Amino acid sequence: MEKRTTTKNRNGFSKYLVSILLFLLFEAVAITLWLTKNNLFYLLNFSYIGCCLSLGTALFTAGKRYARHFVQLAVGCYMLLYLGVFSRENMQIEGFWYYLFLGTFEAATIHYAVAKIFGPLLFGRGWCGYACWTAMVLDFLPYKRPQKPRKEKLGILRYVMFLLSLALVSALFLMQVTHLEKIMFWMFLTGNAFYYIAGITLALIFKDNRAFCKYLCPVTVFLKPMSYFSLLRVHCDERKCVHCGKCLQVCPMNVEVNKESRKRKNGTECILCYECTKSCPKKALH
């Protein structure tokens, strides 16, 4: 009896290993930035995000359907409202270029380094699935399953948006425009308004909540190459797979999840929502 209880406890622990590791990772980042930057804010900021992510993934593991929306709202609202609106920090890609050109490792440059440049080596496009404040709203729209084929060629628009954001901030620096901090704040507000309007419009046109992510979001230019090497990803045991196609129908990002190879179609688009694993009748996905 004692041996059986010990085994059960070990299985329970291993089931929540990802949540524990996420918490430890963000806590390590929080403590490192607190000590190196001598700023308590970073300890509180990354500890809060780490707690939300670890709690949300634990709830998801426990089978709670609201788990991912909980994390999206907890992290997304914090970054959009507290950091963006009240603290007046531009956490969009324009803010990243701004601090990068200043040569300052603060705010948006730290955020991008952790969540969108180096972080994806560990957790892929997890940011898109659990913390993006744009997708936080779009995921409440009714088209959770894409109802039309993906328009692959429209993906070029993401690179256009990426270059436009870079060109815009570059022009502001080259022209030596004054009051850049104030301009960055207003760019954050107008940029988010544009993203929400464009995201909702694209979702209605393509009947796909994630159409904005597939066709317009400039952040994916950073996320895609790093996500290819992601440590955390959906695996497929092709020996169990019966190619029923149920996983392909529910995947919001049109990932070819019934293949194990990293080269599978749209493999770097996976947002780790794990809808595919829930729909697989043979438990071939994990």
C-alpha atoms as a PDB file:
ATOM      1  CA  MET A   1       0.000   0.000   0.000  1.00  0.00           C
ATOM      2  CA  GLU A   2       2.795   2.407   0.933  1.00  0.00           C
ATOM      3  CA  LYS A   3       4.667   1.627  -2.290  1.00  0.00           C
ATOM      4  CA  ARG A   4       1.518   2.238  -4.335  1.00  0.00           C
ATOM      5  CA  THR A   5       0.985   5.618  -2.626  1.00  0.00           C
ATOM      6  CA  THR A   6       4.597   6.618  -3.303  1.00  0.00           C
ATOM      7  CA  THR A   7       4.233   5.722  -6.979  1.00  0.00           C
ATOM      8  CA  LYS A   8       1.013   7.713  -7.193  1.00  0.00           C
ATOM      9  CA  ASN A   9       2.707  10.755  -5.626  1.00  0.00           C
ATOM     10  CA  ARG A  10       5.571  10.508  -8.088  1.00  0.00           C
ATOM     11  CA  ASN A  11       3.167  10.348 -11.030  1.00  0.00           C
ATOM     12  CA  GLY A  12       1.286  13.350  -9.682  1.00  0.00           C
ATOM     13  CA  PHE A  13       4.543  15.283  -9.351  1.00  0.00           C
ATOM     14  CA  SER A  14       5.731  14.425 -12.864  1.00  0.00           C
ATOM     15  CA  LYS A  15       2.366  15.472 -14.307  1.00  0.00           C
ATOM     16  CA  TYR A  16       2.945  19.012 -13.055  1.00  0.00           C
ATOM     17  CA  LEU A  17       6.659  19.098 -13.868  1.00  0.00           C
ATOM     18  CA  VAL A  18       6.223  21.617 -16.703  1.00  0.00           C
ATOM     19  CA  SER A  19       4.338  23.989 -14.378  1.00  0.00           C
ATOM     20  CA  ILE A  20       7.039  23.700 -11.734  1.00  0.00           C
ATOM     21  CA  LEU A  21       9.832  24.265 -14.245  1.00  0.00           C
ATOM     22  CA  LEU A  22       8.036  27.300 -15.681  1.00  0.00           C
ATOM     23  CA  PHE A  23       7.749  28.826 -12.235  1.00  0.00           C
ATOM     24  CA  LEU A  24      11.430  28.170 -11.486  1.00  0.00           C
ATOM     25  CA  LEU A  25      12.496  29.580 -14.857  1.00  0.00           C
ATOM     26  CA  PHE A  26      10.621  32.855 -14.386  1.00  0.00           C
ATOM     27  CA  GLU A  27      11.746  33.071 -10.773  1.00  0.00           C
ATOM     28  CA  ALA A  28      15.358  32.721 -11.927  1.00  0.00           C
ATOM     29  CA  VAL A  29      14.816  35.502 -14.475  1.00  0.00           C
ATOM     30  CA  ALA A  30      13.108  37.641 -11.804  1.00  0.00           C
ATOM     31  CA  ILE A  31      15.938  37.281  -9.283  1.00  0.00           C
ATOM     32  CA  THR A  32      18.665  37.742 -11.908  1.00  0.00           C
ATOM     33  CA  LEU A  33      17.157  40.971 -13.261  1.00  0.00           C
ATOM     34  CA  TRP A  34      16.419  42.264  -9.757  1.00  0.00           C
ATOM     35  CA  LEU A  35      20.034  41.831  -8.720  1.00  0.00           C
ATOM     36  CA  THR A  36      21.682  42.958 -11.963  1.00  0.00           C
ATOM     37  CA  LYS A  37      19.385  45.945 -12.563  1.00  0.00           C
ATOM     38  CA  ASN A  38      19.035  46.747  -8.840  1.00  0.00           C
ATOM     39  CA  ASN A  39      15.311  47.234  -9.351  1.00  0.00           C
ATOM     40  CA  LEU A  40      12.690  45.442  -7.246  1.00  0.00           C
ATOM     41  CA  PHE A  41      10.135  45.859 -10.030  1.00  0.00           C
ATOM     42  CA  TYR A  42      11.696  43.059 -12.061  1.00  0.00           C
ATOM     43  CA  LEU A  43      11.433  40.643  -9.155  1.00  0.00           C
ATOM     44  CA  LEU A  44       7.735  41.406  -8.721  1.00  0.00           C
ATOM     45  CA  ASN A  45       7.007  41.559 -12.459  1.00  0.00           C
ATOM     46  CA  PHE A  46       8.491  38.224 -13.510  1.00  0.00           C
ATOM     47  CA  SER A  47       7.426  36.488 -10.295  1.00  0.00           C
ATOM     48  CA  TYR A  48       3.831  37.491 -11.025  1.00  0.00           C
ATOM     49  CA  ILE A  49       3.995  36.316 -14.644  1.00  0.00           C
ATOM     50  CA  GLY A  50       5.704  33.076 -13.608  1.00  0.00           C
ATOM     51  CA  CYS A  51       3.048  32.378 -10.967  1.00  0.00           C
ATOM     52  CA  CYS A  52       0.234  33.000 -13.483  1.00  0.00           C
ATOM     53  CA  LEU A  53       1.811  30.755 -16.108  1.00  0.00           C
ATOM     54  CA  SER A  54       2.605  27.924 -13.702  1.00  0.00           C
ATOM     55  CA  LEU A  55      -0.843  28.072 -12.081  1.00  0.00           C
ATOM     56  CA  GLY A  56      -2.555  28.203 -15.464  1.00  0.00           C
ATOM     57  CA  THR A  57      -0.623  25.265 -16.899  1.00  0.00           C
ATOM     58  CA  ALA A  58      -1.296  23.301 -13.699  1.00  0.00           C
ATOM     59  CA  LEU A  59      -5.032  23.992 -14.034  1.00  0.00           C
ATOM     60  CA  PHE A  60      -4.828  22.946 -17.682  1.00  0.00           C
ATOM     61  CA  THR A  61      -3.106  19.695 -16.689  1.00  0.00           C
ATOM     62  CA  ALA A  62      -5.871  19.131 -14.150  1.00  0.00           C
ATOM     63  CA  GLY A  63      -8.410  19.350 -16.982  1.00  0.00           C
ATOM     64  CA  LYS A  64      -9.885  22.784 -16.248  1.00  0.00           C
ATOM     65  CA  ARG A  65     -11.295  24.188 -19.492  1.00  0.00           C
ATOM     66  CA  TYR A  66     -10.898  27.809 -18.400  1.00  0.00           C
ATOM     67  CA  ALA A  67      -7.177  27.420 -17.613  1.00  0.00           C
ATOM     68  CA  ARG A  68      -5.718  29.003 -20.754  1.00  0.00           C
ATOM     69  CA  HIS A  69      -8.177  31.920 -20.704  1.00  0.00           C
ATOM     70  CA  PHE A  70      -7.277  32.493 -17.060  1.00  0.00           C
ATOM     71  CA  VAL A  71      -3.587  32.903 -17.947  1.00  0.00           C
ATOM     72  CA  GLN A  72      -4.364  35.059 -20.979  1.00  0.00           C
ATOM     73  CA  LEU A  73      -6.464  37.443 -18.888  1.00  0.00           C
ATOM     74  CA  ALA A  74      -4.128  37.479 -15.883  1.00  0.00           C
ATOM     75  CA  VAL A  75      -0.967  38.162 -17.888  1.00  0.00           C
ATOM     76  CA  GLY A  76      -2.503  39.974 -20.862  1.00  0.00           C
ATOM     77  CA  CYS A  77      -4.466  42.514 -18.801  1.00  0.00           C
ATOM     78  CA  TYR A  78      -1.462  43.124 -16.577  1.00  0.00           C
ATOM     79  CA  MET A  79       0.793  43.910 -19.540  1.00  0.00           C
ATOM     80  CA  LEU A  80      -1.805  45.826 -21.528  1.00  0.00           C
ATOM     81  CA  LEU A  81      -3.373  47.873 -18.741  1.00  0.00           C
ATOM     82  CA  TYR A  82      -0.779  48.146 -15.980  1.00  0.00           C
ATOM     83  CA  LEU A  83       2.469  48.219 -17.955  1.00  0.00           C
ATOM     84  CA  GLY A  84       1.045  49.761 -21.128  1.00  0.00           C
ATOM     85  CA  VAL A  85      -1.717  52.173 -20.138  1.00  0.00           C
ATOM     86  CA  PHE A  86      -0.917  53.110 -16.528  1.00  0.00           C
ATOM     87  CA  SER A  87       2.889  52.829 -16.609  1.00  0.00           C
ATOM     88  CA  ARG A  88       2.998  54.209 -20.173  1.00  0.00           C
ATOM     89  CA  GLU A  89       5.431  51.588 -21.480  1.00  0.00           C
ATOM     90  CA  ASN A  90       5.184  50.574 -25.126  1.00  0.00           C
ATOM     91  CA  MET A  91       5.432  46.774 -24.946  1.00  0.00           C
ATOM     92  CA  GLN A  92       4.652  46.352 -28.648  1.00  0.00           C
ATOM     93  CA  ILE A  93       7.331  45.791 -31.286  1.00  0.00           C
ATOM     94  CA  GLU A  94       7.766  49.573 -31.703  1.00  0.00           C
ATOM     95  CA  GLY A  95       8.778  49.759 -28.043  1.00  0.00           C
ATOM     96  CA  PHE A  96      11.359  47.042 -28.665  1.00  0.00           C
ATOM     97  CA  TRP A  97      12.921  49.026 -31.538  1.00  0.00           C
ATOM     98  CA  TYR A  98      12.819  52.175 -29.414  1.00  0.00           C
ATOM     99  CA  TYR A  99      14.790  50.731 -26.505  1.00  0.00           C
ATOM    100  CA  LEU A 100      17.067  48.820 -28.873  1.00  0.00           C
ATOM    101  CA  PHE A 101      18.066  52.053 -30.655  1.00  0.00           C
ATOM    102  CA  LEU A 102      18.602  53.720 -27.287  1.00  0.00           C
ATOM    103  CA  GLY A 103      20.976  50.886 -26.420  1.00  0.00           C
ATOM    104  CA  THR A 104      19.015  50.207 -23.224  1.00  0.00           C
ATOM    105  CA  PHE A 105      18.120  46.779 -21.867  1.00  0.00           C
ATOM    106  CA  GLU A 106      14.838  47.819 -20.265  1.00  0.00           C
ATOM    107  CA  ALA A 107      11.078  47.230 -20.532  1.00  0.00           C
ATOM    108  CA  ALA A 108      10.278  46.045 -24.082  1.00  0.00           C
ATOM    109  CA  THR A 109      13.802  44.773 -24.868  1.00  0.00           C
ATOM    110  CA  ILE A 110      13.741  42.578 -21.748  1.00  0.00           C
ATOM    111  CA  HIS A 111      10.203  41.444 -22.552  1.00  0.00           C
ATOM    112  CA  TYR A 112      11.138  40.477 -26.099  1.00  0.00           C
ATOM    113  CA  ALA A 113      14.333  38.731 -25.037  1.00  0.00           C
ATOM    114  CA  VAL A 114      12.485  36.571 -22.492  1.00  0.00           C
ATOM    115  CA  ALA A 115       9.172  35.944 -24.275  1.00  0.00           C
ATOM    116  CA  LYS A 116       9.859  36.255 -27.980  1.00  0.00           C
ATOM    117  CA  ILE A 117      13.520  35.791 -28.862  1.00  0.00           C
ATOM    118  CA  PHE A 118      15.279  33.399 -26.479  1.00  0.00           C
ATOM    119  CA  GLY A 119      12.300  32.052 -24.519  1.00  0.00           C
ATOM    120  CA  PRO A 120      10.838  30.252 -27.560  1.00  0.00           C
ATOM    121  CA  LEU A 121      13.876  27.965 -27.529  1.00  0.00           C
ATOM    122  CA  LEU A 122      12.294  26.468 -24.410  1.00  0.00           C
ATOM    123  CA  PHE A 123       8.532  27.016 -24.794  1.00  0.00           C
ATOM    124  CA  GLY A 124       8.048  27.781 -28.489  1.00  0.00           C
ATOM    125  CA  ARG A 125       5.022  29.929 -29.283  1.00  0.00           C
ATOM    126  CA  GLY A 126       3.671  29.523 -25.754  1.00  0.00           C
ATOM    127  CA  TRP A 127       3.500  33.314 -25.492  1.00  0.00           C
ATOM    128  CA  CYS A 128       0.922  33.384 -28.295  1.00  0.00           C
ATOM    129  CA  GLY A 129      -1.225  30.757 -26.616  1.00  0.00           C
ATOM    130  CA  TYR A 130      -1.098  31.919 -23.010  1.00  0.00           C
ATOM    131  CA  ALA A 131      -0.046  35.557 -22.650  1.00  0.00           C
ATOM    132  CA  CYS A 132      -0.648  37.652 -25.785  1.00  0.00           C
ATOM    133  CA  TRP A 133      -3.054  40.479 -24.980  1.00  0.00           C
ATOM    134  CA  THR A 134      -4.255  40.666 -28.589  1.00  0.00           C
ATOM    135  CA  ALA A 135      -5.115  36.959 -28.785  1.00  0.00           C
ATOM    136  CA  MET A 136      -6.620  37.293 -25.296  1.00  0.00           C
ATOM    137  CA  VAL A 137      -9.555  39.091 -26.912  1.00  0.00           C
ATOM    138  CA  LEU A 138      -9.566  37.259 -30.260  1.00  0.00           C
ATOM    139  CA  ASP A 139      -9.803  33.843 -28.604  1.00  0.00           C
ATOM    140  CA  PHE A 140     -13.235  34.779 -27.225  1.00  0.00           C
ATOM    141  CA  LEU A 141     -14.614  35.098 -30.766  1.00  0.00           C
ATOM    142  CA  PRO A 142     -16.730  32.172 -32.044  1.00  0.00           C
ATOM    143  CA  TYR A 143     -14.328  30.719 -34.650  1.00  0.00           C
ATOM    144  CA  LYS A 144     -12.053  28.593 -32.469  1.00  0.00           C
ATOM    145  CA  ARG A 145     -11.720  26.029 -35.252  1.00  0.00           C
ATOM    146  CA  PRO A 146     -10.630  27.500 -38.604  1.00  0.00           C
ATOM    147  CA  GLN A 147     -13.559  27.138 -40.980  1.00  0.00           C
ATOM    148  CA  LYS A 148     -11.728  28.038 -44.174  1.00  0.00           C
ATOM    149  CA  PRO A 149      -8.407  26.842 -45.673  1.00  0.00           C
ATOM    150  CA  ARG A 150      -5.370  28.839 -44.643  1.00  0.00           C
ATOM    151  CA  LYS A 151      -4.251  31.509 -47.139  1.00  0.00           C
ATOM    152  CA  GLU A 152      -0.531  30.757 -47.027  1.00  0.00           C
ATOM    153  CA  LYS A 153       0.512  33.624 -49.305  1.00  0.00           C
ATOM    154  CA  LEU A 154      -1.043  36.232 -47.005  1.00  0.00           C
ATOM    155  CA  GLY A 155       1.594  35.358 -44.405  1.00  0.00           C
ATOM    156  CA  ILE A 156       3.913  37.791 -46.207  1.00  0.00           C
ATOM    157  CA  LEU A 157       1.928  40.625 -44.579  1.00  0.00           C
ATOM    158  CA  ARG A 158       3.566  39.772 -41.240  1.00  0.00           C
ATOM    159  CA  TYR A 159       6.964  40.628 -42.686  1.00  0.00           C
ATOM    160  CA  VAL A 160       5.594  43.837 -44.188  1.00  0.00           C
ATOM    161  CA  MET A 161       4.276  44.871 -40.756  1.00  0.00           C
ATOM    162  CA  PHE A 162       7.617  43.960 -39.198  1.00  0.00           C
ATOM    163  CA  LEU A 163       9.560  46.153 -41.646  1.00  0.00           C
ATOM    164  CA  LEU A 164       7.060  49.009 -41.346  1.00  0.00           C
ATOM    165  CA  SER A 165       7.428  49.088 -37.559  1.00  0.00           C
ATOM    166  CA  LEU A 166      11.219  49.104 -37.900  1.00  0.00           C
ATOM    167  CA  ALA A 167      11.116  51.824 -40.568  1.00  0.00           C
ATOM    168  CA  LEU A 168       8.737  53.995 -38.508  1.00  0.00           C
ATOM    169  CA  VAL A 169      10.859  53.986 -35.346  1.00  0.00           C
ATOM    170  CA  SER A 170      14.069  54.343 -37.380  1.00  0.00           C
ATOM    171  CA  ALA A 171      12.625  57.447 -39.072  1.00  0.00           C
ATOM    172  CA  LEU A 172      11.772  59.002 -35.702  1.00  0.00           C
ATOM    173  CA  PHE A 173      15.361  58.578 -34.540  1.00  0.00           C
ATOM    174  CA  LEU A 174      16.898  59.743 -37.847  1.00  0.00           C
ATOM    175  CA  MET A 175      14.750  62.889 -37.828  1.00  0.00           C
ATOM    176  CA  GLN A 176      15.681  63.420 -34.154  1.00  0.00           C
ATOM    177  CA  VAL A 177      12.050  63.876 -33.193  1.00  0.00           C
ATOM    178  CA  THR A 178      11.601  65.178 -29.646  1.00  0.00           C
ATOM    179  CA  HIS A 179       9.319  63.782 -26.939  1.00  0.00           C
ATOM    180  CA  LEU A 180       9.842  60.230 -28.192  1.00  0.00           C
ATOM    181  CA  GLU A 181       8.574  58.676 -24.948  1.00  0.00           C
ATOM    182  CA  LYS A 182       5.236  60.428 -25.364  1.00  0.00           C
ATOM    183  CA  ILE A 183       5.077  59.382 -29.019  1.00  0.00           C
ATOM    184  CA  MET A 184       5.829  55.777 -28.058  1.00  0.00           C
ATOM    185  CA  PHE A 185       2.929  55.801 -25.603  1.00  0.00           C
ATOM    186  CA  TRP A 186       0.477  57.052 -28.218  1.00  0.00           C
ATOM    187  CA  MET A 187       1.840  54.547 -30.713  1.00  0.00           C
ATOM    188  CA  PHE A 188       1.123  51.838 -28.152  1.00  0.00           C
ATOM    189  CA  LEU A 189      -2.509  52.954 -27.806  1.00  0.00           C
ATOM    190  CA  THR A 190      -3.162  53.408 -31.525  1.00  0.00           C
ATOM    191  CA  GLY A 191      -1.217  50.260 -32.402  1.00  0.00           C
ATOM    192  CA  ASN A 192      -3.294  48.137 -30.051  1.00  0.00           C
ATOM    193  CA  ALA A 193      -6.522  49.668 -31.330  1.00  0.00           C
ATOM    194  CA  PHE A 194      -5.425  48.814 -34.874  1.00  0.00           C
ATOM    195  CA  TYR A 195      -4.489  45.253 -33.878  1.00  0.00           C
ATOM    196  CA  TYR A 196      -7.862  44.624 -32.235  1.00  0.00           C
ATOM    197  CA  ILE A 197      -9.853  46.101 -35.116  1.00  0.00           C
ATOM    198  CA  ALA A 198      -7.767  44.263 -37.719  1.00  0.00           C
ATOM    199  CA  GLY A 199      -7.847  41.029 -35.707  1.00  0.00           C
ATOM    200  CA  ILE A 200     -11.616  41.032 -35.285  1.00  0.00           C
ATOM    201  CA  THR A 201     -12.136  41.975 -38.952  1.00  0.00           C
ATOM    202  CA  LEU A 202      -9.839  39.192 -40.190  1.00  0.00           C
ATOM    203  CA  ALA A 203     -11.523  36.699 -37.856  1.00  0.00           C
ATOM    204  CA  LEU A 204     -14.922  37.553 -39.304  1.00  0.00           C
ATOM    205  CA  ILE A 205     -13.691  37.456 -42.905  1.00  0.00           C
ATOM    206  CA  PHE A 206     -11.816  34.160 -42.618  1.00  0.00           C
ATOM    207  CA  LYS A 207     -14.016  32.685 -39.857  1.00  0.00           C
ATOM    208  CA  ASP A 208     -10.866  32.057 -37.869  1.00  0.00           C
ATOM    209  CA  ASN A 209     -10.025  33.570 -34.469  1.00  0.00           C
ATOM    210  CA  ARG A 210      -6.303  33.312 -35.166  1.00  0.00           C
ATOM    211  CA  ALA A 211      -6.291  34.877 -38.648  1.00  0.00           C
ATOM    212  CA  PHE A 212      -4.453  37.924 -37.253  1.00  0.00           C
ATOM    213  CA  CYS A 213      -1.661  35.693 -35.914  1.00  0.00           C
ATOM    214  CA  LYS A 214      -1.330  33.913 -39.263  1.00  0.00           C
ATOM    215  CA  TYR A 215      -1.388  36.902 -41.575  1.00  0.00           C
ATOM    216  CA  LEU A 216      -0.605  40.178 -39.821  1.00  0.00           C
ATOM    217  CA  CYS A 217       1.216  39.854 -36.470  1.00  0.00           C
ATOM    218  CA  PRO A 218       4.820  41.132 -36.883  1.00  0.00           C
ATOM    219  CA  VAL A 219       6.069  39.443 -33.698  1.00  0.00           C
ATOM    220  CA  THR A 220       6.013  36.050 -35.427  1.00  0.00           C
ATOM    221  CA  VAL A 221       9.136  37.079 -37.356  1.00  0.00           C
ATOM    222  CA  PHE A 222      11.031  36.667 -34.065  1.00  0.00           C
ATOM    223  CA  LEU A 223       9.039  33.695 -32.840  1.00  0.00           C
ATOM    224  CA  LYS A 224       9.100  31.383 -35.854  1.00  0.00           C
ATOM    225  CA  PRO A 225      12.854  30.624 -36.216  1.00  0.00           C
ATOM    226  CA  MET A 226      13.375  30.080 -32.489  1.00  0.00           C
ATOM    227  CA  SER A 227      10.234  27.954 -32.132  1.00  0.00           C
ATOM    228  CA  TYR A 228      11.646  25.443 -34.594  1.00  0.00           C
ATOM    229  CA  PHE A 229      14.120  24.350 -31.909  1.00  0.00           C
ATOM    230  CA  SER A 230      11.628  24.516 -29.026  1.00  0.00           C
ATOM    231  CA  LEU A 231      12.204  22.075 -26.177  1.00  0.00           C
ATOM    232  CA  LEU A 232       8.504  22.035 -25.265  1.00  0.00           C
ATOM    233  CA  ARG A 233       6.315  20.917 -28.160  1.00  0.00           C
ATOM    234  CA  VAL A 234       3.491  18.553 -29.111  1.00  0.00           C
ATOM    235  CA  HIS A 235       4.803  15.083 -29.945  1.00  0.00           C
ATOM    236  CA  CYS A 236       3.106  12.502 -32.133  1.00  0.00           C
ATOM    237  CA  ASP A 237       3.526   8.754 -31.750  1.00  0.00           C
ATOM    238  CA  GLU A 238       2.991   7.885 -35.406  1.00  0.00           C
ATOM    239  CA  ARG A 239       2.674   4.184 -34.545  1.00  0.00           C
ATOM    240  CA  LYS A 240      -0.576   4.950 -32.709  1.00  0.00           C
ATOM    241  CA  CYS A 241      -1.892   7.529 -35.180  1.00  0.00           C
ATOM    242  CA  VAL A 242      -4.743   6.304 -37.412  1.00  0.00           C
ATOM    243  CA  HIS A 243      -4.822   9.529 -39.475  1.00  0.00           C
ATOM    244  CA  CYS A 244      -8.442  10.273 -38.625  1.00  0.00           C
ATOM    245  CA  GLY A 245      -7.719  13.999 -39.024  1.00  0.00           C
ATOM    246  CA  LYS A 246      -9.494  15.099 -35.847  1.00  0.00           C
ATOM    247  CA  CYS A 247      -6.381  16.845 -34.544  1.00  0.00           C
ATOM    248  CA  LEU A 248      -6.027  18.798 -37.796  1.00  0.00           C
ATOM    249  CA  GLN A 249      -9.636  19.968 -37.581  1.00  0.00           C
ATOM    250  CA  VAL A 250      -9.296  21.465 -34.092  1.00  0.00           C
ATOM    251  CA  CYS A 251      -5.815  23.010 -34.427  1.00  0.00           C
ATOM    252  CA  PRO A 252      -6.303  26.816 -34.481  1.00  0.00           C
ATOM    253  CA  MET A 253      -2.974  27.322 -36.275  1.00  0.00           C
ATOM    254  CA  ASN A 254      -3.277  24.611 -38.972  1.00  0.00           C
ATOM    255  CA  VAL A 255      -0.258  22.691 -37.698  1.00  0.00           C
ATOM    256  CA  GLU A 256       0.360  19.246 -39.166  1.00  0.00           C
ATOM    257  CA  VAL A 257       0.347  17.754 -35.685  1.00  0.00           C
ATOM    258  CA  ASN A 258      -0.051  14.158 -36.874  1.00  0.00           C
ATOM    259  CA  LYS A 259       3.614  14.182 -37.873  1.00  0.00           C
ATOM    260  CA  GLU A 260       6.496  13.981 -35.381  1.00  0.00           C
ATOM    261  CA  SER A 261       9.076  15.788 -37.529  1.00  0.00           C
ATOM    262  CA  ARG A 262      10.028  19.372 -36.676  1.00  0.00           C
ATOM    263  CA  LYS A 263       9.658  20.048 -40.403  1.00  0.00           C
ATOM    264  CA  ARG A 264       5.925  19.339 -40.317  1.00  0.00           C
ATOM    265  CA  LYS A 265       3.760  21.920 -42.045  1.00  0.00           C
ATOM    266  CA  ASN A 266       3.287  25.071 -39.926  1.00  0.00           C
ATOM    267  CA  GLY A 267       5.290  23.383 -37.166  1.00  0.00           C
ATOM    268  CA  THR A 268       6.620  26.714 -35.845  1.00  0.00           C
ATOM    269  CA  GLU A 269       3.054  28.041 -35.546  1.00  0.00           C
ATOM    270  CA  CYS A 270       2.030  25.768 -32.641  1.00  0.00           C
ATOM    271  CA  ILE A 271       0.757  27.827 -29.680  1.00  0.00           C
ATOM    272  CA  LEU A 272       0.705  24.850 -27.276  1.00  0.00           C
ATOM    273  CA  CYS A 273      -3.050  25.029 -26.729  1.00  0.00           C
ATOM    274  CA  TYR A 274      -3.114  21.188 -26.745  1.00  0.00           C
ATOM    275  CA  GLU A 275      -6.573  21.060 -28.310  1.00  0.00           C
ATOM    276  CA  CYS A 276      -5.159  18.353 -30.586  1.00  0.00           C
ATOM    277  CA  THR A 277      -4.206  16.103 -27.669  1.00  0.00           C
ATOM    278  CA  LYS A 278      -7.743  16.306 -26.287  1.00  0.00           C
ATOM    279  CA  SER A 279      -9.310  15.343 -29.606  1.00  0.00           C
ATOM    280  CA  CYS A 280      -7.019  12.404 -30.437  1.00  0.00           C
ATOM    281  CA  PRO A 281      -8.996   9.123 -30.000  1.00  0.00           C
ATOM    282  CA  LYS A 282      -5.808   7.023 -29.835  1.00  0.00           C
ATOM    283  CA  LYS A 283      -3.817   9.246 -27.456  1.00  0.00           C
ATOM    284  CA  ALA A 284      -1.086   9.459 -30.074  1.00  0.00           C
ATOM    285  CA  LEU A 285      -0.392  13.116 -29.222  1.00  0.00           C
ATOM    286  CA  HIS A 286       1.253  14.274 -26.038  1.00  0.00           C
END
